[in-house]
């Protein structure tokens, strides 16, 4: 499945504490974005019956079954610099991605991308 760095897990735990009731990190993929697909991450309190669940560095993660193949081998990290911080996603399945880094295309969805 996907991998979450210790740095990203630490930041996710901080954000979960601020949210309060959230206990799960949902990671998924949906249609849209400049390159055809875009990532989604958010907090939830319960999982669906068709979700895959796992835990890394103390973070409980849920992924829907449609997104799971597209997220195979993905690495989520958190980078801090002088401009602030943010999550980065490295996807070995992506054959193209947008400059913004939030959308991508795989061989399976290799249609014509929309303009950025």
C-alpha atoms as a PDB file:
ATOM      1  CA  UNK A   1       0.000   0.000   0.000  1.00  0.00           C
ATOM      2  CA  UNK A   2       1.212   3.551   0.535  1.00  0.00           C
ATOM      3  CA  UNK A   3       3.917   4.764   2.919  1.00  0.00           C
ATOM      4  CA  UNK A   4       3.813   7.696   5.332  1.00  0.00           C
ATOM      5  CA  UNK A   5       7.088   9.154   6.592  1.00  0.00           C
ATOM      6  CA  UNK A   6       7.628   9.696  10.308  1.00  0.00           C
ATOM      7  CA  UNK A   7       7.686  13.460   9.681  1.00  0.00           C
ATOM      8  CA  UNK A   8       4.329  13.336   7.884  1.00  0.00           C
ATOM      9  CA  UNK A   9       2.860  11.071  10.581  1.00  0.00           C
ATOM     10  CA  UNK A  10       3.944  13.524  13.275  1.00  0.00           C
ATOM     11  CA  UNK A  11       2.271  16.423  11.445  1.00  0.00           C
ATOM     12  CA  UNK A  12      -0.888  14.348  10.820  1.00  0.00           C
ATOM     13  CA  UNK A  13      -1.124  13.494  14.533  1.00  0.00           C
ATOM     14  CA  UNK A  14      -0.833  17.193  15.450  1.00  0.00           C
ATOM     15  CA  UNK A  15      -3.582  18.072  12.994  1.00  0.00           C
ATOM     16  CA  UNK A  16      -5.794  15.260  14.313  1.00  0.00           C
ATOM     17  CA  UNK A  17      -5.401  16.577  17.844  1.00  0.00           C
ATOM     18  CA  UNK A  18      -6.540  20.006  16.655  1.00  0.00           C
ATOM     19  CA  UNK A  19      -9.552  18.447  14.889  1.00  0.00           C
ATOM     20  CA  UNK A  20     -10.627  16.693  18.059  1.00  0.00           C
ATOM     21  CA  UNK A  21     -12.907  13.778  17.172  1.00  0.00           C
ATOM     22  CA  UNK A  22     -11.052  12.505  14.090  1.00  0.00           C
ATOM     23  CA  UNK A  23      -9.237   9.227  14.481  1.00  0.00           C
ATOM     24  CA  UNK A  24      -8.618   8.132  10.868  1.00  0.00           C
ATOM     25  CA  UNK A  25      -6.749   9.588   7.926  1.00  0.00           C
ATOM     26  CA  UNK A  26      -8.551   8.971   4.626  1.00  0.00           C
ATOM     27  CA  UNK A  27      -6.352   9.009   1.531  1.00  0.00           C
ATOM     28  CA  UNK A  28      -7.933   8.700  -1.882  1.00  0.00           C
ATOM     29  CA  UNK A  29      -7.897   9.578  -5.551  1.00  0.00           C
ATOM     30  CA  UNK A  30     -10.658  11.218  -7.553  1.00  0.00           C
ATOM     31  CA  UNK A  31     -11.097  12.322 -11.137  1.00  0.00           C
ATOM     32  CA  UNK A  32     -10.127  15.913 -11.894  1.00  0.00           C
ATOM     33  CA  UNK A  33      -7.164  18.215 -11.811  1.00  0.00           C
ATOM     34  CA  UNK A  34      -4.869  19.245 -14.629  1.00  0.00           C
ATOM     35  CA  UNK A  35      -3.556  15.754 -15.291  1.00  0.00           C
ATOM     36  CA  UNK A  36      -6.745  13.725 -14.864  1.00  0.00           C
ATOM     37  CA  UNK A  37      -6.615  12.509 -11.256  1.00  0.00           C
ATOM     38  CA  UNK A  38      -6.132  14.334  -7.976  1.00  0.00           C
ATOM     39  CA  UNK A  39      -5.220  13.274  -4.457  1.00  0.00           C
ATOM     40  CA  UNK A  40      -7.438  13.738  -1.458  1.00  0.00           C
ATOM     41  CA  UNK A  41      -6.579  13.558   2.238  1.00  0.00           C
ATOM     42  CA  UNK A  42      -8.882  14.226   5.153  1.00  0.00           C
ATOM     43  CA  UNK A  43      -9.896  13.109   8.606  1.00  0.00           C
ATOM     44  CA  UNK A  44     -12.802  10.832   9.481  1.00  0.00           C
ATOM     45  CA  UNK A  45     -14.195   9.107  12.519  1.00  0.00           C
ATOM     46  CA  UNK A  46     -15.251   5.802  10.914  1.00  0.00           C
ATOM     47  CA  UNK A  47     -14.425   3.621   7.948  1.00  0.00           C
ATOM     48  CA  UNK A  48     -16.641   2.183   5.221  1.00  0.00           C
ATOM     49  CA  UNK A  49     -17.129  -1.564   4.694  1.00  0.00           C
ATOM     50  CA  UNK A  50     -15.133  -1.524   1.438  1.00  0.00           C
ATOM     51  CA  UNK A  51     -12.132   0.393   2.840  1.00  0.00           C
ATOM     52  CA  UNK A  52      -8.644  -0.980   3.259  1.00  0.00           C
ATOM     53  CA  UNK A  53      -7.208  -0.036   6.654  1.00  0.00           C
ATOM     54  CA  UNK A  54      -3.688  -0.051   8.033  1.00  0.00           C
ATOM     55  CA  UNK A  55      -1.548   1.814  10.548  1.00  0.00           C
ATOM     56  CA  UNK A  56       1.833   3.523  10.129  1.00  0.00           C
ATOM     57  CA  UNK A  57       3.779   5.418  12.783  1.00  0.00           C
ATOM     58  CA  UNK A  58       0.661   5.555  14.963  1.00  0.00           C
ATOM     59  CA  UNK A  59      -1.617   6.937  12.232  1.00  0.00           C
ATOM     60  CA  UNK A  60      -4.654   4.849  11.279  1.00  0.00           C
ATOM     61  CA  UNK A  61      -5.202   5.142   7.519  1.00  0.00           C
ATOM     62  CA  UNK A  62      -8.215   4.209   5.376  1.00  0.00           C
ATOM     63  CA  UNK A  63      -8.223   3.921   1.585  1.00  0.00           C
ATOM     64  CA  UNK A  64     -11.248   3.118  -0.572  1.00  0.00           C
ATOM     65  CA  UNK A  65     -10.891   0.082  -2.836  1.00  0.00           C
ATOM     66  CA  UNK A  66     -11.060   2.131  -6.065  1.00  0.00           C
ATOM     67  CA  UNK A  67      -8.132   4.338  -4.983  1.00  0.00           C
ATOM     68  CA  UNK A  68      -5.979   1.521  -3.581  1.00  0.00           C
ATOM     69  CA  UNK A  69      -4.372   0.393  -6.900  1.00  0.00           C
ATOM     70  CA  UNK A  70      -3.532   3.997  -7.843  1.00  0.00           C
ATOM     71  CA  UNK A  71      -1.897   4.581  -4.453  1.00  0.00           C
ATOM     72  CA  UNK A  72       0.256   1.430  -4.490  1.00  0.00           C
ATOM     73  CA  UNK A  73       3.821   2.477  -3.631  1.00  0.00           C
ATOM     74  CA  UNK A  74       2.924   6.140  -2.980  1.00  0.00           C
ATOM     75  CA  UNK A  75       5.058   7.939  -0.392  1.00  0.00           C
ATOM     76  CA  UNK A  76       3.612  10.819   1.646  1.00  0.00           C
ATOM     77  CA  UNK A  77       6.069  13.147   3.361  1.00  0.00           C
ATOM     78  CA  UNK A  78       5.908  16.540   5.059  1.00  0.00           C
ATOM     79  CA  UNK A  79       8.447  19.217   4.127  1.00  0.00           C
ATOM     80  CA  UNK A  80       9.096  22.424   6.054  1.00  0.00           C
ATOM     81  CA  UNK A  81      10.880  25.398   4.499  1.00  0.00           C
ATOM     82  CA  UNK A  82      11.045  29.181   4.849  1.00  0.00           C
ATOM     83  CA  UNK A  83       7.735  29.560   2.976  1.00  0.00           C
ATOM     84  CA  UNK A  84       5.924  27.210   5.374  1.00  0.00           C
ATOM     85  CA  UNK A  85       5.232  23.529   5.225  1.00  0.00           C
ATOM     86  CA  UNK A  86       3.200  21.071   3.255  1.00  0.00           C
ATOM     87  CA  UNK A  87       2.664  17.463   2.355  1.00  0.00           C
ATOM     88  CA  UNK A  88       4.409  15.993  -0.667  1.00  0.00           C
ATOM     89  CA  UNK A  89       3.262  12.910  -2.545  1.00  0.00           C
ATOM     90  CA  UNK A  90       5.615  10.790  -4.627  1.00  0.00           C
ATOM     91  CA  UNK A  91       3.718   8.382  -6.878  1.00  0.00           C
ATOM     92  CA  UNK A  92       5.701   5.765  -8.850  1.00  0.00           C
ATOM     93  CA  UNK A  93       2.529   5.012 -10.874  1.00  0.00           C
ATOM     94  CA  UNK A  94       2.306   8.540 -12.291  1.00  0.00           C
ATOM     95  CA  UNK A  95       3.432   8.965 -15.903  1.00  0.00           C
ATOM     96  CA  UNK A  96       2.643  12.700 -15.828  1.00  0.00           C
ATOM     97  CA  UNK A  97       1.886  15.255 -13.159  1.00  0.00           C
ATOM     98  CA  UNK A  98       1.000  18.910 -13.000  1.00  0.00           C
ATOM     99  CA  UNK A  99       3.388  21.585 -11.778  1.00  0.00           C
ATOM    100  CA  UNK A 100       1.188  22.088  -8.717  1.00  0.00           C
ATOM    101  CA  UNK A 101       1.918  18.486  -7.656  1.00  0.00           C
ATOM    102  CA  UNK A 102      -1.674  17.761  -6.676  1.00  0.00           C
ATOM    103  CA  UNK A 103      -2.797  15.985  -9.842  1.00  0.00           C
ATOM    104  CA  UNK A 104      -1.361  13.147 -11.881  1.00  0.00           C
ATOM    105  CA  UNK A 105      -2.003  10.674 -14.678  1.00  0.00           C
ATOM    106  CA  UNK A 106      -1.285   6.940 -14.836  1.00  0.00           C
ATOM    107  CA  UNK A 107      -1.068   4.637 -17.841  1.00  0.00           C
ATOM    108  CA  UNK A 108      -4.618   3.446 -17.018  1.00  0.00           C
ATOM    109  CA  UNK A 109      -6.132   6.942 -17.290  1.00  0.00           C
ATOM    110  CA  UNK A 110      -3.830   8.329 -19.988  1.00  0.00           C
ATOM    111  CA  UNK A 111      -6.407  10.490 -21.740  1.00  0.00           C
ATOM    112  CA  UNK A 112      -5.916  14.068 -22.796  1.00  0.00           C
ATOM    113  CA  UNK A 113      -5.223  16.201 -19.696  1.00  0.00           C
ATOM    114  CA  UNK A 114      -7.106  19.403 -19.079  1.00  0.00           C
ATOM    115  CA  UNK A 115      -5.197  22.675 -19.062  1.00  0.00           C
ATOM    116  CA  UNK A 116      -3.704  23.738 -15.736  1.00  0.00           C
END
